[in-house]
Amino acid sequence: MFSQGIIVAPASATGGAIAVIRISGEGCIALCDKVFRGRKPLSEAATHTLHYGNIVDDNRVIDDVLVSVFHAPHSYTGEQSVEISTHGSRYIVSTIISLICRQGARLAEPGEFSARAFAAGRIDLSQAEAVADIIAADSQAAHIVASTQMRGGYSDTLNNLRDRLIELTSLLELELDFGEEDVVFADRSRLQQMLTATIDVVSQLKNSFHTGNAIRNGVGVAIIGAPNVGKSTLLNRLVGEQRAMVSDIAGTTRDTIEESVVIDGIRFRFIDTAGIRTTDDTLEKMGIERTIAAVKKAQIVVSMAEPTGGFERVELSENQTLIRVVNKTDTTQERNFTDAIYISARENMGIDTLRAALRESVDTTAVYRGEAVVSNLRHYEALSAAYAALTSAQTALANNISTELLSEDIRVAINHIGEITGSITSDTILQSIFSSFCIGK
């Protein structure tokens, strides 16, 4: 997948006070000794030790640095590794990297450090993907989901599933090996119990994707309602800035406007949509079409109305939540809807109640308990395929279908679960996953 040798890359963003340069590969400690001057050579240092000194180019000091030394296999990549902590100047970082490369290293490709960690068995593929999710996490819940996955809690669940399925196929294939003797090694009722329990776990993981994906990418909230009901004013109030243009003229919003904000550890992506009404305006019609599309994609739909008006009719899927909001309540005392939240977006009345309702609409109980929650589309597709194979096996078992066909369905499920952790994954998939990482990870 990647060529071997010593690799080097910045492991932190440049421009700050401190930058970290990561080096990995057999011989990298000796290579660093060619440019490092400290109290003693790095090649004499014990693993997991820190050393102060200078990076030099001939007799010219580039910077004073702290160098961390890691011996194989006790490093992130499982190889000899060195991390140089230097001042964050772009010039200093690029000069040190160029100097390291002149000594025989090469610049790492995106994701190559994590790919080497995967190849060395330090982490599995789902944990490697979690590294990227940790870096991208922009809310507490997203960080918890990625952290649980990176620590291996998710992998443990998947590996237990795979072990259980391998046990099932082992029992069934014993029968195939002794088929001529008409010997039955597997208790069919016991197999059914094991299969049902496994399907339940796969189903639970698969179904958690709705929440996990929303947390990872932000919970989509479509704000809908008639023109001039106050959708843009509400968006501005929720995000705390003048993001959307506000006007008394109906139909001002011609396109969807999106902004995000974190509420109690969850990132919400608010989408201010064009008001729905009959119109001959071509641009407004396009905006209304996009409103309908936004509603279909949103996890939560906030439907707005005025105190004397009515709510737009909207069809929701079983995974969507509807929150009805009556705006402009500062102008009247009328309360005609018992299932609505009454607010005044302009006067900031009832906004905290709406925020609380939004937060309560996202069930993060499993997330905060540290349970495995699926947030990756690749994992969801693999689990869905495994679920289909297992339910096919369950049907086959109930109908006394041949042991050979039953065993084949279970093997298919094993392969799909193996795709998630990387125990069964093609180089093409691996290349696609790691190439999306930043350089230095």
Protein backbone atom coordinates (compact mmCIF):
# COMPACT_ATOMS: atom_id res chain seq x y z
CA MET A 1 0.00 0.00 0.00
CA PHE A 2 2.83 2.41 0.93
CA SER A 3 6.55 1.99 0.27
CA GLN A 4 8.86 1.31 3.19
CA GLY A 5 11.71 3.42 4.55
CA ILE A 6 11.98 6.30 6.99
CA ILE A 7 9.18 8.86 6.77
CA VAL A 8 8.88 12.37 8.20
CA ALA A 9 6.04 14.90 8.41
CA PRO A 10 4.73 17.71 10.60
CA ALA A 11 2.35 16.19 13.16
CA SER A 12 0.86 19.53 14.19
CA ALA A 13 -0.27 22.69 12.47
CA THR A 14 2.53 25.18 11.88
CA GLY A 15 2.32 28.80 12.87
CA GLY A 16 1.77 28.24 16.60
CA ALA A 17 4.23 28.49 19.47
CA ILE A 18 5.31 24.84 19.25
CA ALA A 19 5.29 22.37 16.37
CA VAL A 20 5.86 18.60 16.39
CA ILE A 21 7.71 16.76 13.64
CA ARG A 22 7.16 13.00 13.53
CA ILE A 23 9.70 10.52 12.09
CA SER A 24 9.22 6.75 11.82
CA GLY A 25 10.97 3.75 10.32
CA GLU A 26 13.84 1.39 11.00
CA GLY A 27 17.02 3.43 11.50
CA CYS A 28 15.28 6.76 12.14
CA ILE A 29 16.93 7.20 15.56
CA ALA A 30 20.42 6.87 14.06
CA LEU A 31 19.38 9.20 11.26
CA CYS A 32 18.33 11.86 13.77
CA ASP A 33 21.70 11.57 15.50
CA LYS A 34 23.22 13.06 12.34
CA VAL A 35 21.42 16.37 12.99
CA PHE A 36 20.82 16.34 16.76
CA ARG A 37 23.32 17.54 19.35
CA GLY A 38 22.50 16.79 22.98
CA ARG A 39 24.14 15.43 26.10
CA LYS A 40 24.34 11.97 24.52
CA PRO A 41 23.38 10.35 21.20
CA LEU A 42 19.73 9.43 20.76
CA SER A 43 20.78 5.89 19.77
CA GLU A 44 21.91 5.39 23.39
CA ALA A 45 18.61 6.60 24.83
CA ALA A 46 15.99 4.35 26.38
CA THR A 47 12.53 4.18 24.88
CA HIS A 48 9.93 6.76 25.90
CA THR A 49 12.54 9.30 27.00
CA LEU A 50 12.80 13.02 26.32
CA HIS A 51 16.02 14.81 25.35
CA TYR A 52 16.97 18.48 25.07
CA GLY A 53 19.42 19.67 22.45
CA ASN A 54 19.91 21.44 19.13
CA ILE A 55 19.10 20.59 15.54
CA VAL A 56 22.14 21.56 13.48
CA ASP A 57 22.99 21.77 9.80
CA ASP A 58 26.76 21.38 9.74
CA ASN A 59 27.76 23.94 12.37
CA ARG A 60 24.65 26.10 12.07
CA VAL A 61 22.05 25.74 14.82
CA ILE A 62 18.54 25.59 13.37
CA ASP A 63 16.65 25.50 16.70
CA ASP A 64 16.77 24.19 20.24
CA VAL A 65 14.38 21.26 20.55
CA LEU A 66 12.97 18.48 22.71
CA VAL A 67 13.22 15.03 21.14
CA SER A 68 11.07 12.03 22.19
CA VAL A 69 12.50 8.59 21.44
CA PHE A 70 10.38 5.46 20.96
CA HIS A 71 11.84 2.00 20.32
CA ALA A 72 10.01 -0.65 18.31
CA PRO A 73 7.49 -2.08 18.90
CA HIS A 74 6.46 0.39 21.61
CA SER A 75 5.45 3.31 19.42
CA TYR A 76 2.36 4.48 17.57
CA THR A 77 3.54 2.90 14.31
CA GLY A 78 5.17 -0.13 15.94
CA GLU A 79 8.48 1.01 14.42
CA GLN A 80 11.39 3.07 15.71
CA SER A 81 9.98 6.57 16.04
CA VAL A 82 11.19 10.05 16.95
CA GLU A 83 9.15 13.18 17.62
CA ILE A 84 10.87 16.56 17.52
CA SER A 85 9.19 19.42 19.40
CA THR A 86 10.43 22.68 17.96
CA HIS A 87 9.33 26.30 17.71
CA GLY A 88 6.32 26.66 15.43
CA SER A 89 7.89 28.91 12.79
CA ARG A 90 7.05 27.69 9.29
CA TYR A 91 10.65 28.33 8.29
CA ILE A 92 12.05 26.26 11.17
CA VAL A 93 9.67 23.33 10.57
CA SER A 94 10.29 23.19 6.82
CA THR A 95 14.06 23.56 7.31
CA ILE A 96 14.21 20.67 9.81
CA ILE A 97 12.06 18.44 7.58
CA SER A 98 14.27 19.23 4.57
CA LEU A 99 17.35 18.45 6.64
CA ILE A 100 15.88 15.09 7.75
CA CYS A 101 15.01 14.25 4.15
CA ARG A 102 18.58 15.04 3.04
CA GLN A 103 19.77 12.40 5.51
CA GLY A 104 17.68 9.72 3.78
CA ALA A 105 14.07 10.08 4.94
CA ARG A 106 11.15 10.95 2.69
CA LEU A 107 8.03 13.02 3.25
CA ALA A 108 5.17 10.84 4.52
CA GLU A 109 2.04 10.42 2.45
CA PRO A 110 -1.36 11.32 3.98
CA GLY A 111 -2.30 8.77 6.64
CA GLU A 112 0.94 6.82 6.33
CA PHE A 113 1.77 6.83 10.05
CA SER A 114 -1.68 5.40 10.87
CA ALA A 115 -1.37 2.93 7.97
CA ARG A 116 1.89 1.65 9.44
CA ALA A 117 0.25 1.38 12.87
CA PHE A 118 -2.51 -0.69 11.25
CA ALA A 119 -0.04 -2.89 9.35
CA ALA A 120 1.91 -3.52 12.56
CA GLY A 121 -1.25 -4.56 14.40
CA ARG A 122 -1.06 -1.63 16.82
CA ILE A 123 -4.58 -0.56 15.85
CA ASP A 124 -7.30 -2.03 13.68
CA LEU A 125 -8.90 -0.22 10.76
CA SER A 126 -11.84 1.16 12.73
CA GLN A 127 -9.44 2.59 15.31
CA ALA A 128 -7.36 4.16 12.55
CA GLU A 129 -10.47 5.83 11.15
CA ALA A 130 -11.27 7.07 14.64
CA VAL A 131 -7.95 8.96 14.66
CA ALA A 132 -9.27 11.12 11.82
CA ASP A 133 -12.61 11.52 13.61
CA ILE A 134 -10.85 12.64 16.82
CA ILE A 135 -9.06 15.35 14.87
CA ALA A 136 -12.29 16.47 13.17
CA ALA A 137 -14.49 16.31 16.30
CA ASP A 138 -16.10 19.71 16.94
CA SER A 139 -18.42 18.82 19.81
CA GLN A 140 -18.26 16.85 23.05
CA ALA A 141 -20.51 14.07 21.78
CA ALA A 142 -18.53 13.67 18.54
CA HIS A 143 -15.34 13.48 20.58
CA ILE A 144 -16.79 10.78 22.87
CA VAL A 145 -17.95 8.66 19.92
CA ALA A 146 -14.51 8.86 18.27
CA SER A 147 -12.65 8.29 21.56
CA THR A 148 -14.67 5.16 22.35
CA GLN A 149 -13.90 3.83 18.88
CA MET A 150 -10.19 4.71 19.08
CA ARG A 151 -9.79 3.08 22.51
CA GLY A 152 -11.05 -0.17 21.04
CA GLY A 153 -14.46 -0.48 22.70
CA TYR A 154 -16.09 -0.64 19.29
CA SER A 155 -13.50 -3.15 18.05
CA ASP A 156 -14.10 -5.40 21.06
CA THR A 157 -17.81 -5.55 20.22
CA LEU A 158 -17.08 -6.40 16.58
CA ASN A 159 -14.43 -8.98 17.43
CA ASN A 160 -16.78 -10.70 19.88
CA LEU A 161 -19.41 -10.82 17.13
CA ARG A 162 -16.93 -12.31 14.70
CA ASP A 163 -15.75 -14.91 17.24
CA ARG A 164 -19.35 -15.92 17.89
CA LEU A 165 -20.00 -16.35 14.16
CA ILE A 166 -16.80 -18.33 13.67
CA GLU A 167 -17.97 -20.65 16.44
CA LEU A 168 -21.25 -21.11 14.59
CA THR A 169 -19.53 -21.98 11.30
CA SER A 170 -17.16 -24.34 13.09
CA LEU A 171 -20.06 -26.35 14.46
CA LEU A 172 -21.78 -26.41 11.07
CA GLU A 173 -18.67 -27.36 9.12
CA LEU A 174 -18.05 -30.30 11.43
CA GLU A 175 -21.30 -31.68 10.07
CA LEU A 176 -20.09 -31.10 6.51
CA ASP A 177 -16.85 -32.97 7.23
CA PHE A 178 -18.81 -35.95 8.51
CA GLY A 179 -21.72 -35.63 6.12
CA GLU A 180 -21.53 -39.21 4.87
CA GLU A 181 -21.94 -40.52 8.42
CA ASP A 182 -25.09 -38.40 8.81
CA VAL A 183 -23.73 -36.99 12.08
CA VAL A 184 -25.26 -33.82 13.55
CA PHE A 185 -22.85 -31.96 15.86
CA ALA A 186 -24.81 -28.73 16.15
CA ASP A 187 -27.88 -28.48 18.34
CA ARG A 188 -30.33 -26.60 16.08
CA SER A 189 -32.15 -24.86 18.93
CA ARG A 190 -28.81 -23.73 20.38
CA LEU A 191 -27.72 -22.47 16.96
CA GLN A 192 -30.96 -20.53 16.62
CA GLN A 193 -30.40 -18.87 20.01
CA MET A 194 -26.82 -17.93 19.14
CA LEU A 195 -27.86 -16.59 15.75
CA THR A 196 -30.73 -14.55 17.18
CA ALA A 197 -28.47 -13.03 19.84
CA THR A 198 -25.89 -12.11 17.19
CA ILE A 199 -28.51 -10.55 14.92
CA ASP A 200 -29.76 -8.45 17.83
CA VAL A 201 -26.27 -7.00 18.40
CA VAL A 202 -25.70 -6.32 14.69
CA SER A 203 -29.13 -4.70 14.45
CA GLN A 204 -28.42 -2.48 17.46
CA LEU A 205 -25.10 -1.35 15.98
CA LYS A 206 -26.67 -0.76 12.58
CA ASN A 207 -29.54 1.25 14.03
CA SER A 208 -27.17 3.41 16.06
CA PHE A 209 -25.89 4.93 12.81
CA HIS A 210 -28.81 7.37 12.67
CA THR A 211 -27.61 8.99 15.91
CA GLY A 212 -23.89 8.43 15.41
CA ASN A 213 -23.78 9.92 11.91
CA ALA A 214 -25.81 12.94 13.03
CA ILE A 215 -23.44 13.53 15.95
CA ARG A 216 -20.37 13.14 13.76
CA ASN A 217 -21.57 15.50 11.02
CA GLY A 218 -23.91 17.71 13.04
CA VAL A 219 -27.64 17.21 13.60
CA GLY A 220 -29.50 18.68 10.64
CA VAL A 221 -32.37 21.01 11.63
CA ALA A 222 -34.61 22.39 8.88
CA ILE A 223 -36.53 25.54 9.84
CA ILE A 224 -39.70 25.72 7.74
CA GLY A 225 -42.81 27.84 7.61
CA ALA A 226 -44.74 30.35 5.54
CA PRO A 227 -42.90 33.39 4.13
CA ASN A 228 -42.18 36.14 6.67
CA VAL A 229 -43.00 33.94 9.68
CA GLY A 230 -39.58 34.73 11.22
CA LYS A 231 -37.39 31.82 10.13
CA SER A 232 -34.36 33.97 9.36
CA THR A 233 -34.75 35.92 12.61
CA LEU A 234 -34.85 32.62 14.52
CA LEU A 235 -31.72 31.36 12.74
CA ASN A 236 -29.88 34.56 13.63
CA ARG A 237 -31.03 34.27 17.24
CA LEU A 238 -29.95 30.62 17.55
CA VAL A 239 -26.48 31.15 16.09
CA GLY A 240 -25.97 34.50 17.79
CA GLU A 241 -25.15 36.57 14.72
CA GLN A 242 -26.76 38.24 11.72
CA ARG A 243 -26.28 35.24 9.43
CA ALA A 244 -29.50 35.50 7.41
CA MET A 245 -30.99 38.60 5.81
CA VAL A 246 -34.15 39.74 7.59
CA SER A 247 -36.89 41.77 5.91
CA ASP A 248 -40.60 42.47 6.22
CA ILE A 249 -40.93 41.55 2.55
CA ALA A 250 -42.30 38.02 2.13
CA GLY A 251 -40.06 35.70 0.11
CA THR A 252 -36.77 37.40 1.05
CA THR A 253 -35.02 34.05 1.55
CA ARG A 254 -34.62 32.50 -1.90
CA ASP A 255 -32.18 29.73 -1.00
CA THR A 256 -31.31 27.56 1.98
CA ILE A 257 -28.88 29.16 4.44
CA GLU A 258 -26.94 26.89 6.78
CA GLU A 259 -25.15 27.65 10.03
CA SER A 260 -24.13 25.49 12.97
CA VAL A 261 -23.85 25.89 16.74
CA VAL A 262 -23.10 23.57 19.69
CA ILE A 263 -25.90 23.12 22.23
CA ASP A 264 -25.00 21.14 25.37
CA GLY A 265 -22.28 19.12 23.66
CA ILE A 266 -24.14 18.47 20.38
CA ARG A 267 -23.50 20.32 17.11
CA PHE A 268 -26.69 21.32 15.31
CA ARG A 269 -26.71 22.41 11.66
CA PHE A 270 -29.57 24.88 11.25
CA ILE A 271 -30.97 25.33 7.77
CA ASP A 272 -33.08 28.43 7.12
CA THR A 273 -35.30 27.58 4.18
CA ALA A 274 -37.34 29.54 1.70
CA GLY A 275 -40.96 30.04 2.75
CA ILE A 276 -43.42 27.64 1.14
CA ARG A 277 -46.16 29.30 -0.87
CA THR A 278 -47.61 29.39 -4.40
CA THR A 279 -45.51 31.73 -6.52
CA ASP A 280 -44.65 32.53 -10.14
CA ASP A 281 -41.17 33.77 -9.24
CA THR A 282 -38.67 31.36 -10.80
CA LEU A 283 -35.97 31.93 -8.17
CA GLU A 284 -38.44 31.57 -5.31
CA LYS A 285 -39.73 28.33 -6.83
CA MET A 286 -36.17 26.99 -6.89
CA GLY A 287 -35.80 27.98 -3.23
CA ILE A 288 -38.99 26.14 -2.31
CA GLU A 289 -37.75 23.00 -4.10
CA ARG A 290 -34.57 23.17 -2.05
CA THR A 291 -36.66 23.61 1.09
CA ILE A 292 -38.43 20.33 0.36
CA ALA A 293 -35.07 18.61 -0.23
CA ALA A 294 -33.67 20.04 3.03
CA VAL A 295 -36.63 18.72 4.99
CA LYS A 296 -36.06 15.20 3.66
CA LYS A 297 -32.42 15.24 4.82
CA ALA A 298 -32.94 16.84 8.24
CA GLN A 299 -33.06 14.86 11.48
CA ILE A 300 -35.22 17.57 13.10
CA VAL A 301 -37.82 19.80 11.46
CA VAL A 302 -38.74 23.03 13.24
CA SER A 303 -42.09 24.09 11.83
CA MET A 304 -42.92 27.76 12.49
CA ALA A 305 -46.25 29.55 12.49
CA GLU A 306 -47.69 32.85 13.67
CA PRO A 307 -50.13 32.97 16.62
CA THR A 308 -53.14 33.37 14.31
CA GLY A 309 -51.79 31.21 11.48
CA GLY A 310 -51.38 27.52 10.83
CA PHE A 311 -48.49 25.11 10.37
CA GLU A 312 -47.28 23.88 7.02
CA ARG A 313 -48.12 20.25 6.29
CA VAL A 314 -44.98 18.16 6.29
CA GLU A 315 -44.44 14.43 5.84
CA LEU A 316 -41.74 13.00 8.09
CA SER A 317 -39.94 9.68 8.13
CA GLU A 318 -39.87 7.54 11.28
CA ASN A 319 -36.37 8.81 12.09
CA GLN A 320 -37.32 12.49 11.97
CA THR A 321 -38.50 14.67 14.86
CA LEU A 322 -41.00 17.52 14.48
CA ILE A 323 -40.89 20.55 16.78
CA ARG A 324 -43.70 23.07 16.33
CA VAL A 325 -42.90 26.69 17.17
CA VAL A 326 -45.24 29.67 17.34
CA ASN A 327 -43.35 32.91 16.75
CA LYS A 328 -44.16 36.60 17.33
CA THR A 329 -45.84 35.90 20.67
CA ASP A 330 -44.73 39.35 21.89
CA THR A 331 -47.56 40.81 19.78
CA THR A 332 -50.44 38.78 21.22
CA GLN A 333 -51.54 36.69 24.19
CA GLU A 334 -53.25 34.03 22.03
CA ARG A 335 -52.16 30.44 22.70
CA ASN A 336 -54.07 28.24 20.26
CA PHE A 337 -51.69 25.26 20.06
CA THR A 338 -51.09 22.95 23.01
CA ASP A 339 -48.18 21.06 21.42
CA ALA A 340 -46.10 24.05 20.38
CA ILE A 341 -43.28 26.10 21.88
CA TYR A 342 -44.15 29.80 22.02
CA ILE A 343 -41.33 32.20 21.21
CA SER A 344 -40.49 35.66 20.00
CA ALA A 345 -37.32 35.38 17.93
CA ARG A 346 -37.08 39.15 17.68
CA GLU A 347 -37.35 39.70 21.46
CA ASN A 348 -35.41 36.54 22.47
CA MET A 349 -38.41 35.05 24.30
CA GLY A 350 -38.66 31.26 24.64
CA ILE A 351 -35.38 30.60 22.79
CA ASP A 352 -33.86 28.70 25.72
CA THR A 353 -36.94 26.46 25.81
CA LEU A 354 -36.49 25.75 22.11
CA ARG A 355 -32.79 24.98 22.59
CA ALA A 356 -33.68 22.52 25.36
CA ALA A 357 -36.25 20.82 23.11
CA LEU A 358 -33.66 20.49 20.35
CA ARG A 359 -31.16 18.92 22.72
CA GLU A 360 -33.73 16.51 24.14
CA SER A 361 -34.54 15.35 20.60
CA VAL A 362 -31.11 13.73 20.30
CA ASP A 363 -30.75 10.62 22.45
CA THR A 364 -27.10 10.43 23.51
CA THR A 365 -27.60 7.98 26.39
CA ALA A 366 -25.55 5.26 24.69
CA VAL A 367 -22.85 7.75 23.68
CA TYR A 368 -22.27 9.07 27.19
CA ARG A 369 -22.31 5.54 28.61
CA GLY A 370 -19.37 4.76 26.31
CA GLU A 371 -21.29 2.18 24.26
CA ALA A 372 -20.33 1.40 20.67
CA VAL A 373 -22.12 3.82 18.33
CA VAL A 374 -21.68 3.62 14.55
CA SER A 375 -20.88 6.97 12.93
CA ASN A 376 -19.11 5.84 9.75
CA LEU A 377 -21.05 5.17 6.53
CA ARG A 378 -18.63 2.40 5.49
CA HIS A 379 -19.26 0.60 8.78
CA TYR A 380 -23.01 1.03 8.44
CA GLU A 381 -23.02 -0.48 4.95
CA ALA A 382 -20.92 -3.44 6.13
CA LEU A 383 -23.21 -4.03 9.11
CA SER A 384 -26.29 -3.80 6.88
CA ALA A 385 -24.81 -6.44 4.56
CA ALA A 386 -23.91 -8.62 7.55
CA TYR A 387 -27.44 -8.22 8.93
CA ALA A 388 -28.96 -9.31 5.60
CA ALA A 389 -26.73 -12.39 5.49
CA LEU A 390 -27.54 -13.34 9.09
CA THR A 391 -31.30 -12.96 8.66
CA SER A 392 -30.99 -15.14 5.55
CA ALA A 393 -29.16 -17.73 7.68
CA GLN A 394 -31.85 -17.48 10.35
CA THR A 395 -34.54 -18.19 7.75
CA ALA A 396 -32.49 -21.08 6.36
CA LEU A 397 -32.09 -22.58 9.83
CA ALA A 398 -35.81 -22.31 10.55
CA ASN A 399 -36.62 -24.01 7.24
CA ASN A 400 -34.03 -26.79 7.68
CA ILE A 401 -32.08 -25.65 4.61
CA SER A 402 -28.83 -27.52 4.00
CA THR A 403 -25.94 -26.99 6.38
CA GLU A 404 -23.69 -25.92 3.50
CA LEU A 405 -25.94 -23.01 2.47
CA LEU A 406 -26.49 -22.00 6.08
CA SER A 407 -22.74 -21.96 6.71
CA GLU A 408 -22.15 -19.87 3.58
CA ASP A 409 -24.50 -17.11 4.79
CA ILE A 410 -22.66 -16.92 8.10
CA ARG A 411 -19.27 -16.78 6.35
CA VAL A 412 -20.56 -13.83 4.31
CA ALA A 413 -21.51 -12.05 7.54
CA ILE A 414 -18.06 -12.78 9.02
CA ASN A 415 -16.41 -11.20 5.98
CA HIS A 416 -18.52 -8.05 6.19
CA ILE A 417 -17.74 -7.57 9.88
CA GLY A 418 -14.07 -8.21 9.11
CA GLU A 419 -14.17 -5.38 6.58
CA ILE A 420 -14.84 -2.90 9.40
CA THR A 421 -11.82 -3.84 11.53
CA GLY A 422 -9.61 -4.51 8.51
CA SER A 423 -9.11 -8.23 9.04
CA ILE A 424 -10.64 -8.65 5.56
CA THR A 425 -10.07 -5.54 3.46
CA SER A 426 -8.59 -4.92 0.01
CA ASP A 427 -5.62 -2.63 -0.59
CA THR A 428 -7.87 -0.38 -2.68
CA ILE A 429 -10.16 0.28 0.30
CA LEU A 430 -7.19 0.81 2.60
CA GLN A 431 -5.63 3.31 0.19
CA SER A 432 -8.91 5.21 -0.06
CA ILE A 433 -9.30 5.40 3.72
CA PHE A 434 -5.77 6.47 4.62
CA SER A 435 -5.40 8.93 1.73
CA SER A 436 -8.16 11.02 3.31
CA PHE A 437 -6.04 11.54 6.46
CA CYS A 438 -3.92 14.63 6.98
CA ILE A 439 -0.15 14.32 6.55
CA GLY A 440 1.51 13.43 9.85
CA LYS A 441 -1.30 11.15 11.07
